[in-house]
C-alpha atoms as a PDB file:
ATOM      1  CA  UNK A   1     -95.191 -33.841 -82.599  1.00  0.00           C
ATOM      2  CA  UNK A   2     -95.194 -33.372 -86.375  1.00  0.00           C
ATOM      3  CA  UNK A   3     -94.744 -36.470 -88.514  1.00  0.00           C
ATOM      4  CA  UNK A   4     -91.991 -36.629 -91.078  1.00  0.00           C
ATOM      5  CA  UNK A   5     -93.062 -36.013 -94.647  1.00  0.00           C
ATOM      6  CA  UNK A   6     -93.649 -39.277 -96.501  1.00  0.00           C
ATOM      7  CA  UNK A   7     -92.082 -39.316 -99.977  1.00  0.00           C
ATOM      8  CA  UNK A   8     -93.568 -41.426-102.732  1.00  0.00           C
ATOM      9  CA  UNK A   9     -91.634 -41.457-105.994  1.00  0.00           C
ATOM     10  CA  UNK A  10     -93.357 -42.492-109.215  1.00  0.00           C
ATOM     11  CA  UNK A  11     -91.171 -43.223-112.229  1.00  0.00           C
ATOM     12  CA  UNK A  12     -92.996 -41.800-115.259  1.00  0.00           C
ATOM     13  CA  UNK A  13     -92.313 -42.147-118.964  1.00  0.00           C
ATOM     14  CA  UNK A  14     -94.274 -41.948-122.218  1.00  0.00           C
ATOM     15  CA  UNK A  15     -96.196 -45.148-121.510  1.00  0.00           C
ATOM     16  CA  UNK A  16     -99.794 -45.586-120.436  1.00  0.00           C
ATOM     17  CA  UNK A  17     -98.505 -48.051-117.829  1.00  0.00           C
ATOM     18  CA  UNK A  18     -96.541 -45.374-115.989  1.00  0.00           C
ATOM     19  CA  UNK A  19     -99.483 -42.961-116.056  1.00  0.00           C
ATOM     20  CA  UNK A  20    -101.715 -45.707-114.665  1.00  0.00           C
ATOM     21  CA  UNK A  21     -99.141 -46.294-111.894  1.00  0.00           C
ATOM     22  CA  UNK A  22     -99.301 -42.573-111.079  1.00  0.00           C
ATOM     23  CA  UNK A  23    -103.110 -42.666-110.904  1.00  0.00           C
ATOM     24  CA  UNK A  24    -102.947 -45.780-108.737  1.00  0.00           C
ATOM     25  CA  UNK A  25    -100.460 -44.081-106.394  1.00  0.00           C
ATOM     26  CA  UNK A  26    -102.659 -41.068-105.878  1.00  0.00           C
ATOM     27  CA  UNK A  27    -105.725 -43.247-105.275  1.00  0.00           C
ATOM     28  CA  UNK A  28    -104.075 -45.805-103.019  1.00  0.00           C
ATOM     29  CA  UNK A  29    -101.027 -44.298-101.334  1.00  0.00           C
ATOM     30  CA  UNK A  30    -101.859 -40.628-100.932  1.00  0.00           C
ATOM     31  CA  UNK A  31    -105.098 -39.969 -99.140  1.00  0.00           C
ATOM     32  CA  UNK A  32    -106.899 -36.713 -98.395  1.00  0.00           C
ATOM     33  CA  UNK A  33    -106.367 -37.265 -94.687  1.00  0.00           C
ATOM     34  CA  UNK A  34    -102.613 -37.627 -95.060  1.00  0.00           C
ATOM     35  CA  UNK A  35    -101.529 -34.275 -96.431  1.00  0.00           C
ATOM     36  CA  UNK A  36     -98.018 -34.863 -95.127  1.00  0.00           C
ATOM     37  CA  UNK A  37     -96.944 -36.633 -98.306  1.00  0.00           C
ATOM     38  CA  UNK A  38     -94.717 -35.514-101.125  1.00  0.00           C
ATOM     39  CA  UNK A  39     -95.174 -36.990-104.584  1.00  0.00           C
ATOM     40  CA  UNK A  40     -91.910 -37.106-106.525  1.00  0.00           C
ATOM     41  CA  UNK A  41     -92.336 -37.508-110.278  1.00  0.00           C
ATOM     42  CA  UNK A  42     -89.164 -38.883-111.903  1.00  0.00           C
ATOM     43  CA  UNK A  43     -88.551 -38.942-115.645  1.00  0.00           C
ATOM     44  CA  UNK A  44     -85.309 -40.385-117.020  1.00  0.00           C
ATOM     45  CA  UNK A  45     -83.909 -39.101-120.309  1.00  0.00           C
ATOM     46  CA  UNK A  46     -81.554 -41.403-122.219  1.00  0.00           C
ATOM     47  CA  UNK A  47     -77.870 -40.505-121.961  1.00  0.00           C
ATOM     48  CA  UNK A  48     -76.745 -37.638-124.156  1.00  0.00           C
ATOM     49  CA  UNK A  49     -74.463 -38.553-127.026  1.00  0.00           C
ATOM     50  CA  UNK A  50     -71.184 -36.651-127.170  1.00  0.00           C
ATOM     51  CA  UNK A  51     -70.802 -38.012-130.652  1.00  0.00           C
ATOM     52  CA  UNK A  52     -72.660 -40.755-132.408  1.00  0.00           C
ATOM     53  CA  UNK A  53     -72.071 -43.109-135.282  1.00  0.00           C
ATOM     54  CA  UNK A  54     -74.921 -44.172-137.498  1.00  0.00           C
ATOM     55  CA  UNK A  55     -75.196 -47.687-138.940  1.00  0.00           C
ATOM     56  CA  UNK A  56     -72.938 -46.785-141.866  1.00  0.00           C
ATOM     57  CA  UNK A  57     -70.242 -45.452-139.533  1.00  0.00           C
ATOM     58  CA  UNK A  58     -70.880 -41.738-140.088  1.00  0.00           C
ATOM     59  CA  UNK A  59     -70.515 -39.312-137.215  1.00  0.00           C
ATOM     60  CA  UNK A  60     -73.636 -37.235-136.629  1.00  0.00           C
ATOM     61  CA  UNK A  61     -73.190 -33.489-136.846  1.00  0.00           C
ATOM     62  CA  UNK A  62     -73.391 -31.318-133.751  1.00  0.00           C
ATOM     63  CA  UNK A  63     -76.648 -29.904-135.165  1.00  0.00           C
ATOM     64  CA  UNK A  64     -78.149 -33.395-135.252  1.00  0.00           C
ATOM     65  CA  UNK A  65     -77.027 -34.126-131.715  1.00  0.00           C
ATOM     66  CA  UNK A  66     -78.430 -30.741-130.569  1.00  0.00           C
ATOM     67  CA  UNK A  67     -81.745 -31.557-132.259  1.00  0.00           C
ATOM     68  CA  UNK A  68     -81.869 -34.935-130.482  1.00  0.00           C
ATOM     69  CA  UNK A  69     -81.162 -33.232-127.145  1.00  0.00           C
ATOM     70  CA  UNK A  70     -83.928 -30.660-127.759  1.00  0.00           C
ATOM     71  CA  UNK A  71     -86.339 -33.470-128.631  1.00  0.00           C
ATOM     72  CA  UNK A  72     -85.402 -35.327-125.444  1.00  0.00           C
ATOM     73  CA  UNK A  73     -85.978 -32.192-123.356  1.00  0.00           C
ATOM     74  CA  UNK A  74     -89.362 -31.556-125.018  1.00  0.00           C
ATOM     75  CA  UNK A  75     -90.352 -35.174-124.405  1.00  0.00           C
ATOM     76  CA  UNK A  76     -89.504 -34.810-120.703  1.00  0.00           C
ATOM     77  CA  UNK A  77     -91.642 -31.652-120.489  1.00  0.00           C
ATOM     78  CA  UNK A  78     -94.508 -33.384-122.285  1.00  0.00           C
ATOM     79  CA  UNK A  79     -94.438 -36.381-119.925  1.00  0.00           C
ATOM     80  CA  UNK A  80     -94.378 -34.096-116.879  1.00  0.00           C
ATOM     81  CA  UNK A  81     -97.371 -32.132-118.245  1.00  0.00           C
ATOM     82  CA  UNK A  82     -99.319 -35.378-118.682  1.00  0.00           C
ATOM     83  CA  UNK A  83     -98.421 -36.391-115.129  1.00  0.00           C
ATOM     84  CA  UNK A  84     -99.501 -32.991-113.762  1.00  0.00           C
ATOM     85  CA  UNK A  85    -102.807 -33.320-115.628  1.00  0.00           C
ATOM     86  CA  UNK A  86    -103.425 -36.668-113.922  1.00  0.00           C
ATOM     87  CA  UNK A  87    -102.754 -35.057-110.549  1.00  0.00           C
ATOM     88  CA  UNK A  88    -105.229 -32.265-111.383  1.00  0.00           C
ATOM     89  CA  UNK A  89    -107.851 -34.843-112.435  1.00  0.00           C
ATOM     90  CA  UNK A  90    -107.645 -36.276-108.916  1.00  0.00           C
ATOM     91  CA  UNK A  91    -108.009 -32.771-107.484  1.00  0.00           C
ATOM     92  CA  UNK A  92    -104.636 -33.371-105.883  1.00  0.00           C
ATOM     93  CA  UNK A  93    -104.112 -29.708-105.055  1.00  0.00           C
ATOM     94  CA  UNK A  94    -103.179 -30.606-101.487  1.00  0.00           C
ATOM     95  CA  UNK A  95    -100.326 -32.851-102.635  1.00  0.00           C
ATOM     96  CA  UNK A  96     -96.828 -31.444-102.567  1.00  0.00           C
ATOM     97  CA  UNK A  97     -95.325 -32.383-105.965  1.00  0.00           C
ATOM     98  CA  UNK A  98     -91.651 -32.365-106.882  1.00  0.00           C
ATOM     99  CA  UNK A  99     -90.572 -32.971-110.484  1.00  0.00           C
ATOM    100  CA  UNK A 100     -87.173 -34.536-111.138  1.00  0.00           C
ATOM    101  CA  UNK A 101     -85.595 -35.243-114.527  1.00  0.00           C
ATOM    102  CA  UNK A 102     -82.560 -37.520-114.606  1.00  0.00           C
ATOM    103  CA  UNK A 103     -80.319 -38.583-117.452  1.00  0.00           C
ATOM    104  CA  UNK A 104     -78.764 -41.991-118.017  1.00  0.00           C
ATOM    105  CA  UNK A 105     -79.678 -45.646-117.871  1.00  0.00           C
ATOM    106  CA  UNK A 106     -83.205 -45.732-116.418  1.00  0.00           C
ATOM    107  CA  UNK A 107     -82.720 -48.518-113.884  1.00  0.00           C
ATOM    108  CA  UNK A 108     -79.599 -46.952-112.355  1.00  0.00           C
ATOM    109  CA  UNK A 109     -80.985 -43.417-112.344  1.00  0.00           C
ATOM    110  CA  UNK A 110     -84.231 -44.537-110.686  1.00  0.00           C
ATOM    111  CA  UNK A 111     -82.487 -46.504-107.918  1.00  0.00           C
ATOM    112  CA  UNK A 112     -79.949 -43.728-107.309  1.00  0.00           C
ATOM    113  CA  UNK A 113     -82.646 -41.044-107.200  1.00  0.00           C
ATOM    114  CA  UNK A 114     -84.725 -43.093-104.750  1.00  0.00           C
ATOM    115  CA  UNK A 115     -81.699 -43.377-102.461  1.00  0.00           C
ATOM    116  CA  UNK A 116     -80.539 -39.759-102.838  1.00  0.00           C
ATOM    117  CA  UNK A 117     -84.017 -38.301-102.311  1.00  0.00           C
ATOM    118  CA  UNK A 118     -84.656 -40.726 -99.419  1.00  0.00           C
ATOM    119  CA  UNK A 119     -88.033 -41.810-100.732  1.00  0.00           C
ATOM    120  CA  UNK A 120     -90.208 -44.070 -98.630  1.00  0.00           C
ATOM    121  CA  UNK A 121     -91.806 -45.906-101.552  1.00  0.00           C
ATOM    122  CA  UNK A 122     -90.941 -46.242-105.237  1.00  0.00           C
ATOM    123  CA  UNK A 123     -93.858 -46.886-107.604  1.00  0.00           C
ATOM    124  CA  UNK A 124     -93.422 -48.090-111.174  1.00  0.00           C
ATOM    125  CA  UNK A 125     -95.653 -49.305-113.937  1.00  0.00           C
ATOM    126  CA  UNK A 126     -95.128 -52.674-115.555  1.00  0.00           C
ATOM    127  CA  UNK A 127     -94.966 -52.926-119.329  1.00  0.00           C
ATOM    128  CA  UNK A 128     -95.986 -56.574-119.047  1.00  0.00           C
ATOM    129  CA  UNK A 129     -93.297 -57.966-121.321  1.00  0.00           C
ATOM    130  CA  UNK A 130     -93.257 -61.722-121.703  1.00  0.00           C
ATOM    131  CA  UNK A 131     -90.406 -63.912-120.502  1.00  0.00           C
ATOM    132  CA  UNK A 132     -88.362 -63.793-123.720  1.00  0.00           C
ATOM    133  CA  UNK A 133     -88.673 -60.049-124.294  1.00  0.00           C
ATOM    134  CA  UNK A 134     -87.926 -59.356-120.611  1.00  0.00           C
ATOM    135  CA  UNK A 135     -84.885 -61.658-120.798  1.00  0.00           C
ATOM    136  CA  UNK A 136     -83.555 -59.969-123.939  1.00  0.00           C
ATOM    137  CA  UNK A 137     -84.331 -56.356-123.026  1.00  0.00           C
ATOM    138  CA  UNK A 138     -84.113 -56.611-119.273  1.00  0.00           C
ATOM    139  CA  UNK A 139     -86.737 -55.195-116.992  1.00  0.00           C
ATOM    140  CA  UNK A 140     -86.252 -51.860-115.301  1.00  0.00           C
ATOM    141  CA  UNK A 141     -88.912 -52.676-112.700  1.00  0.00           C
ATOM    142  CA  UNK A 142     -87.326 -56.082-111.924  1.00  0.00           C
ATOM    143  CA  UNK A 143     -83.930 -54.430-111.466  1.00  0.00           C
ATOM    144  CA  UNK A 144     -85.363 -51.717-109.207  1.00  0.00           C
ATOM    145  CA  UNK A 145     -87.334 -54.246-107.146  1.00  0.00           C
ATOM    146  CA  UNK A 146     -84.086 -56.085-106.434  1.00  0.00           C
ATOM    147  CA  UNK A 147     -81.754 -53.094-106.009  1.00  0.00           C
ATOM    148  CA  UNK A 148     -83.681 -50.100-104.660  1.00  0.00           C
ATOM    149  CA  UNK A 149     -83.091 -49.307-100.994  1.00  0.00           C
ATOM    150  CA  UNK A 150     -86.790 -48.731-100.314  1.00  0.00           C
ATOM    151  CA  UNK A 151     -90.013 -50.686-100.832  1.00  0.00           C
ATOM    152  CA  UNK A 152     -90.987 -50.922-104.521  1.00  0.00           C
ATOM    153  CA  UNK A 153     -94.560 -51.217-105.758  1.00  0.00           C
ATOM    154  CA  UNK A 154     -94.936 -52.460-109.334  1.00  0.00           C
ATOM    155  CA  UNK A 155     -98.389 -51.627-110.669  1.00  0.00           C
ATOM    156  CA  UNK A 156     -99.849 -53.731-113.463  1.00  0.00           C
ATOM    157  CA  UNK A 157    -102.460 -52.096-115.621  1.00  0.00           C
ATOM    158  CA  UNK A 158    -105.669 -54.178-115.686  1.00  0.00           C
END
């Protein structure tokens, strides 16, 4: 009887913390003996602006908005390339990798993607914000730990 594929989703972004979480996941959750795992790499782009006002109340031109969208797309590609390089460094050629790029508020997109893709484990890095900064900015990992419909592993970089 063949076992069901185990899906491990790692939320990646531009930070060293998320890349460390990816490395940790490969080392600790995906072993050479268990080649029935799928690694889902999720990057979340910020929501696209239909129109945008700057601080002086001016509406940005469509060219400016297009340039911001191109930059966001390039950033997503760059993050995914870094993540793929980490997988190659672990000689993770036997790992089935799926790349997913979402758009929106990170915490909602991550939880929704984990549910939709039916992942078994969600792994995230921790930025290590202090109490005040976490209270003011909110914590994506705290939100996901409380709201995701699967186990969540939050990896702190040593």
